[in-house]
Amino acid sequence: MSQAEQTISMRYFGLSIGEIEILFNMLRDPFEVNEQKEPSPDEDLVSFVDLDFPLAYDKKFFKVFGMEKWEQVKEVLKNMKWRRGKKGIRLSMRFNSKPSISFVIHTDNNKIFGKALDTIEYLMDVILLQIDPPKLPANVVEVCYEFDEDEYRWYPSKAMGDKEYTFVNDKWIER
């Protein structure tokens, strides 16, 4: 892999210097980290963290990154949410694959935030079925998943390419 292919992009807003340093240090091995502070995109948010991983969302990611480190990163992110109380935080994690997979959590509820983080690694089999090439429309480059606070589960919110699609009754349909 080239250095660009080994770099995690970390964009953020509203993090303390300590939180930035902890995340940076946790993410930098075995990757490089490109960090960038951003302006607030939304008045309802006190913080956001966007992470772009250079690997696909599959078993290899968890082997390369390491389950112990993954658990530690989740705990740091949950702690960040806990420290903000009832204020809104958004977390976006994007995995580089064809198509790329992204997970977005946008909530002011600590328990929901933690539940969403805790279930990401268990979705792999379901997601791989949903993005199976015969099921997925041609030219889709990204599939986005959001956490449903009422159902306590991740759902595919959209697939994007030259058109935008939604997942209904186990099928992708054009919006």
Foldseek 3Di string as FASTA:
>chain_A
DDLVLQEKEKEKEQDDPVLVVVVCVLSPVVHHYHYYYDPDPDPQANMEIEIEGSAALDPVVCVRSDPVSLVVVLVSVLVVLVVVAQGWYKYKYWYDDQQIEIEIEIGSDSVLSSLSSVCSNVCRVVVCLLVPPVQDDPQFRYWYWYADPVVSGIATQWTDGVFIWGQDPSGTDTD
